N, C-alpha and C. Protein backbone atom coordinates (compact mmCIF):
# COMPACT_ATOMS: atom_id res chain seq x y z
N UNK A 1 0.85 -1.18 0.00
CA UNK A 1 0.00 0.00 0.00
C UNK A 1 0.89 1.23 0.00
N UNK A 2 0.38 2.27 -0.56
CA UNK A 2 1.10 3.54 -0.61
C UNK A 2 1.30 4.07 0.81
N UNK A 3 2.50 4.42 1.16
CA UNK A 3 2.78 4.89 2.52
C UNK A 3 2.14 6.22 2.82
N UNK A 4 1.80 6.98 1.79
CA UNK A 4 1.19 8.29 2.01
C UNK A 4 -0.29 8.20 2.35
N UNK A 5 -0.90 7.06 2.15
CA UNK A 5 -2.31 6.89 2.48
C UNK A 5 -2.38 6.44 3.93
N UNK A 6 -2.97 7.27 4.76
CA UNK A 6 -3.04 7.01 6.19
C UNK A 6 -4.37 6.37 6.56
N UNK A 7 -4.37 5.59 7.62
CA UNK A 7 -5.60 5.04 8.17
C UNK A 7 -6.46 6.19 8.66
N UNK A 8 -7.74 6.15 8.31
CA UNK A 8 -8.65 7.24 8.66
C UNK A 8 -9.77 6.81 9.60
N UNK A 9 -9.88 5.54 9.89
CA UNK A 9 -10.98 5.04 10.70
C UNK A 9 -10.65 5.05 12.19
N UNK A 10 -11.65 5.42 12.97
CA UNK A 10 -11.63 5.33 14.42
C UNK A 10 -10.61 6.27 15.07
N UNK A 11 -10.67 7.54 14.69
CA UNK A 11 -9.82 8.55 15.31
C UNK A 11 -10.68 9.59 16.01
N UNK A 12 -10.07 10.21 16.99
CA UNK A 12 -10.72 11.31 17.70
C UNK A 12 -9.80 12.52 17.56
N UNK A 13 -10.23 13.59 16.93
CA UNK A 13 -11.53 13.81 16.30
C UNK A 13 -11.67 12.99 15.02
N UNK A 14 -12.93 12.77 14.62
CA UNK A 14 -13.18 11.96 13.42
C UNK A 14 -12.58 12.57 12.16
N UNK A 15 -12.45 11.73 11.16
CA UNK A 15 -11.92 12.15 9.87
C UNK A 15 -12.76 13.29 9.28
N UNK A 16 -12.11 14.16 8.50
CA UNK A 16 -12.86 15.22 7.83
C UNK A 16 -12.76 15.05 6.32
N UNK A 17 -13.51 15.84 5.59
CA UNK A 17 -13.55 15.74 4.12
C UNK A 17 -12.18 15.90 3.48
N UNK A 18 -11.40 16.85 3.97
CA UNK A 18 -10.09 17.11 3.38
C UNK A 18 -9.17 15.90 3.51
N UNK A 19 -9.23 15.22 4.65
CA UNK A 19 -8.39 14.04 4.84
C UNK A 19 -8.81 12.90 3.92
N UNK A 20 -10.11 12.72 3.77
CA UNK A 20 -10.61 11.67 2.87
C UNK A 20 -10.20 11.99 1.43
N UNK A 21 -10.33 13.24 1.03
CA UNK A 21 -9.97 13.62 -0.34
C UNK A 21 -8.47 13.46 -0.56
N UNK A 22 -7.65 13.83 0.42
CA UNK A 22 -6.20 13.68 0.28
C UNK A 22 -5.81 12.21 0.11
N UNK A 23 -6.43 11.33 0.87
CA UNK A 23 -6.15 9.90 0.74
C UNK A 23 -6.61 9.39 -0.62
N UNK A 24 -7.75 9.88 -1.08
CA UNK A 24 -8.27 9.48 -2.39
C UNK A 24 -7.36 9.94 -3.51
N UNK A 25 -6.85 11.14 -3.38
CA UNK A 25 -5.90 11.67 -4.37
C UNK A 25 -4.64 10.81 -4.41
N UNK A 26 -4.12 10.44 -3.25
CA UNK A 26 -2.93 9.60 -3.20
C UNK A 26 -3.20 8.23 -3.83
N UNK A 27 -4.39 7.69 -3.60
CA UNK A 27 -4.75 6.40 -4.18
C UNK A 27 -4.79 6.49 -5.71
N UNK A 28 -5.44 7.52 -6.23
CA UNK A 28 -5.54 7.67 -7.69
C UNK A 28 -4.16 7.92 -8.29
N UNK A 29 -3.33 8.70 -7.62
CA UNK A 29 -1.97 8.91 -8.10
C UNK A 29 -1.21 7.59 -8.16
N UNK A 30 -1.39 6.77 -7.13
CA UNK A 30 -0.68 5.49 -7.06
C UNK A 30 -1.10 4.56 -8.19
N UNK A 31 -2.40 4.41 -8.39
CA UNK A 31 -2.85 3.42 -9.39
C UNK A 31 -2.67 3.91 -10.82
N UNK A 32 -2.64 5.23 -11.04
CA UNK A 32 -2.44 5.74 -12.39
C UNK A 32 -0.97 5.96 -12.72
N UNK A 33 -0.16 6.18 -11.69
CA UNK A 33 1.23 6.50 -11.93
C UNK A 33 1.43 7.97 -12.25
N UNK A 34 0.35 8.78 -12.17
CA UNK A 34 0.44 10.21 -12.47
C UNK A 34 0.53 10.99 -11.16
N UNK A 35 1.52 11.85 -11.05
CA UNK A 35 1.53 12.80 -9.95
C UNK A 35 0.58 13.94 -10.29
N UNK A 36 0.66 14.35 -11.55
CA UNK A 36 -0.26 15.35 -12.09
C UNK A 36 -0.63 14.87 -13.49
N UNK A 37 -1.92 14.66 -13.75
CA UNK A 37 -2.30 14.14 -15.06
C UNK A 37 -2.13 15.17 -16.17
N UNK A 38 -2.04 14.68 -17.40
CA UNK A 38 -2.00 15.58 -18.55
C UNK A 38 -3.37 16.23 -18.70
N UNK A 39 -3.44 17.28 -19.49
CA UNK A 39 -4.73 17.95 -19.74
C UNK A 39 -5.75 16.96 -20.30
N UNK A 40 -5.30 16.03 -21.14
CA UNK A 40 -6.20 15.05 -21.74
C UNK A 40 -6.82 14.12 -20.70
N UNK A 41 -6.10 13.88 -19.60
CA UNK A 41 -6.57 12.95 -18.56
C UNK A 41 -7.06 13.65 -17.30
N UNK A 42 -6.97 14.95 -17.24
CA UNK A 42 -7.26 15.69 -16.01
C UNK A 42 -8.69 15.49 -15.52
N UNK A 43 -9.67 15.56 -16.39
CA UNK A 43 -11.07 15.41 -15.96
C UNK A 43 -11.32 14.01 -15.42
N UNK A 44 -10.85 12.99 -16.12
CA UNK A 44 -11.04 11.61 -15.65
C UNK A 44 -10.36 11.41 -14.30
N UNK A 45 -9.18 11.97 -14.14
CA UNK A 45 -8.42 11.86 -12.90
C UNK A 45 -9.19 12.49 -11.74
N UNK A 46 -9.66 13.72 -11.95
CA UNK A 46 -10.37 14.43 -10.88
C UNK A 46 -11.72 13.79 -10.55
N UNK A 47 -12.40 13.28 -11.56
CA UNK A 47 -13.67 12.57 -11.32
C UNK A 47 -13.41 11.33 -10.47
N UNK A 48 -12.35 10.61 -10.79
CA UNK A 48 -12.01 9.41 -10.01
C UNK A 48 -11.71 9.78 -8.56
N UNK A 49 -10.96 10.84 -8.34
CA UNK A 49 -10.64 11.28 -6.98
C UNK A 49 -11.94 11.59 -6.22
N UNK A 50 -12.84 12.34 -6.85
CA UNK A 50 -14.10 12.70 -6.20
C UNK A 50 -14.95 11.47 -5.89
N UNK A 51 -15.04 10.54 -6.84
CA UNK A 51 -15.85 9.33 -6.63
C UNK A 51 -15.26 8.45 -5.52
N UNK A 52 -13.96 8.30 -5.51
CA UNK A 52 -13.33 7.49 -4.47
C UNK A 52 -13.47 8.15 -3.11
N UNK A 53 -13.37 9.47 -3.07
CA UNK A 53 -13.56 10.19 -1.80
C UNK A 53 -14.98 9.98 -1.28
N UNK A 54 -15.96 10.05 -2.16
CA UNK A 54 -17.35 9.85 -1.74
C UNK A 54 -17.58 8.43 -1.21
N UNK A 55 -17.08 7.45 -1.93
CA UNK A 55 -17.23 6.06 -1.50
C UNK A 55 -16.49 5.82 -0.19
N UNK A 56 -15.29 6.38 -0.07
CA UNK A 56 -14.51 6.21 1.15
C UNK A 56 -15.20 6.83 2.36
N UNK A 57 -15.76 8.02 2.17
CA UNK A 57 -16.48 8.68 3.27
C UNK A 57 -17.67 7.84 3.71
N UNK A 58 -18.41 7.30 2.74
CA UNK A 58 -19.55 6.43 3.09
C UNK A 58 -19.08 5.21 3.87
N UNK A 59 -18.00 4.61 3.41
CA UNK A 59 -17.45 3.44 4.11
C UNK A 59 -17.06 3.79 5.53
N UNK A 60 -16.28 4.85 5.70
CA UNK A 60 -15.81 5.23 7.03
C UNK A 60 -16.96 5.53 7.99
N UNK A 61 -18.00 6.17 7.49
CA UNK A 61 -19.15 6.51 8.34
C UNK A 61 -20.02 5.30 8.66
N UNK A 62 -19.91 4.24 7.85
CA UNK A 62 -20.74 3.06 8.09
C UNK A 62 -20.06 2.03 8.99
N UNK A 63 -18.76 2.13 9.17
CA UNK A 63 -18.03 1.15 9.97
C UNK A 63 -18.33 1.32 11.46
N UNK A 64 -18.27 0.22 12.17
CA UNK A 64 -18.49 0.22 13.62
C UNK A 64 -17.34 -0.52 14.29
N UNK A 65 -17.05 -0.12 15.51
CA UNK A 65 -16.03 -0.80 16.29
C UNK A 65 -16.31 -0.61 17.77
N UNK A 66 -15.87 -1.56 18.56
CA UNK A 66 -15.98 -1.45 20.01
C UNK A 66 -14.70 -0.86 20.60
N UNK A 67 -13.67 -0.74 19.77
CA UNK A 67 -12.39 -0.21 20.24
C UNK A 67 -12.51 1.30 20.49
N UNK A 68 -11.80 1.79 21.47
CA UNK A 68 -11.84 3.24 21.72
C UNK A 68 -11.13 3.97 20.57
N UNK A 69 -11.56 5.19 20.28
CA UNK A 69 -10.91 5.95 19.20
C UNK A 69 -9.43 6.20 19.51
N UNK A 70 -8.63 6.19 18.45
CA UNK A 70 -7.20 6.46 18.60
C UNK A 70 -7.00 7.97 18.65
N UNK A 71 -6.01 8.37 19.41
CA UNK A 71 -5.66 9.78 19.53
C UNK A 71 -4.71 10.13 18.39
N UNK A 72 -5.05 11.16 17.63
CA UNK A 72 -4.24 11.54 16.47
C UNK A 72 -2.82 11.92 16.85
N UNK A 73 -2.66 12.67 17.91
CA UNK A 73 -1.33 13.11 18.31
C UNK A 73 -0.46 11.94 18.74
N UNK A 74 -1.04 11.00 19.47
CA UNK A 74 -0.28 9.82 19.89
C UNK A 74 0.13 8.98 18.70
N UNK A 75 -0.79 8.79 17.75
CA UNK A 75 -0.47 8.00 16.55
C UNK A 75 0.59 8.68 15.70
N UNK A 76 0.53 10.02 15.60
CA UNK A 76 1.54 10.76 14.85
C UNK A 76 2.91 10.63 15.51
N UNK A 77 2.94 10.67 16.85
CA UNK A 77 4.21 10.50 17.57
C UNK A 77 4.78 9.11 17.34
N UNK A 78 3.94 8.09 17.35
CA UNK A 78 4.39 6.73 17.07
C UNK A 78 4.97 6.63 15.67
N UNK A 79 4.30 7.26 14.70
CA UNK A 79 4.78 7.22 13.31
C UNK A 79 6.13 7.92 13.19
N UNK A 80 6.28 9.05 13.87
CA UNK A 80 7.58 9.75 13.84
C UNK A 80 8.67 8.89 14.45
N UNK A 81 8.35 8.21 15.54
CA UNK A 81 9.34 7.33 16.18
C UNK A 81 9.73 6.18 15.26
N UNK A 82 8.75 5.60 14.57
CA UNK A 82 9.06 4.52 13.62
C UNK A 82 9.94 5.03 12.49
N UNK A 83 9.63 6.22 11.99
CA UNK A 83 10.41 6.81 10.90
C UNK A 83 11.84 7.11 11.36
N UNK A 84 11.98 7.62 12.57
CA UNK A 84 13.31 7.93 13.10
C UNK A 84 14.13 6.65 13.24
N UNK A 85 13.49 5.59 13.71
CA UNK A 85 14.17 4.31 13.87
C UNK A 85 14.56 3.74 12.50
N UNK A 86 13.68 3.88 11.55
CA UNK A 86 13.92 3.32 10.22
C UNK A 86 14.95 4.12 9.43
N UNK A 87 14.83 5.44 9.47
CA UNK A 87 15.67 6.30 8.63
C UNK A 87 16.76 7.04 9.39
N UNK A 88 16.74 6.96 10.71
CA UNK A 88 17.71 7.69 11.52
C UNK A 88 17.24 9.11 11.73
N UNK A 89 17.90 9.82 12.62
CA UNK A 89 17.47 11.19 12.92
C UNK A 89 17.82 12.12 11.85
């Protein structure tokens, strides 16, 4: 999976539209291989991002869990620690 796509489920505060769209954009970039599409592909690219964002938002809002929500700051700190261990300071 693309490392830039972050888990969005079960966080406090809950995911917002911008985060879902950013993950959708990263997904479309990954599967197309385009960082920025050509003018000929731009509309198809943006439509795909919007559709995936809509489907992803519906999915995230429909999921249920008994686990307590994860704290964003704590998860970000863990990710930074993993990156520091992996890549050095």
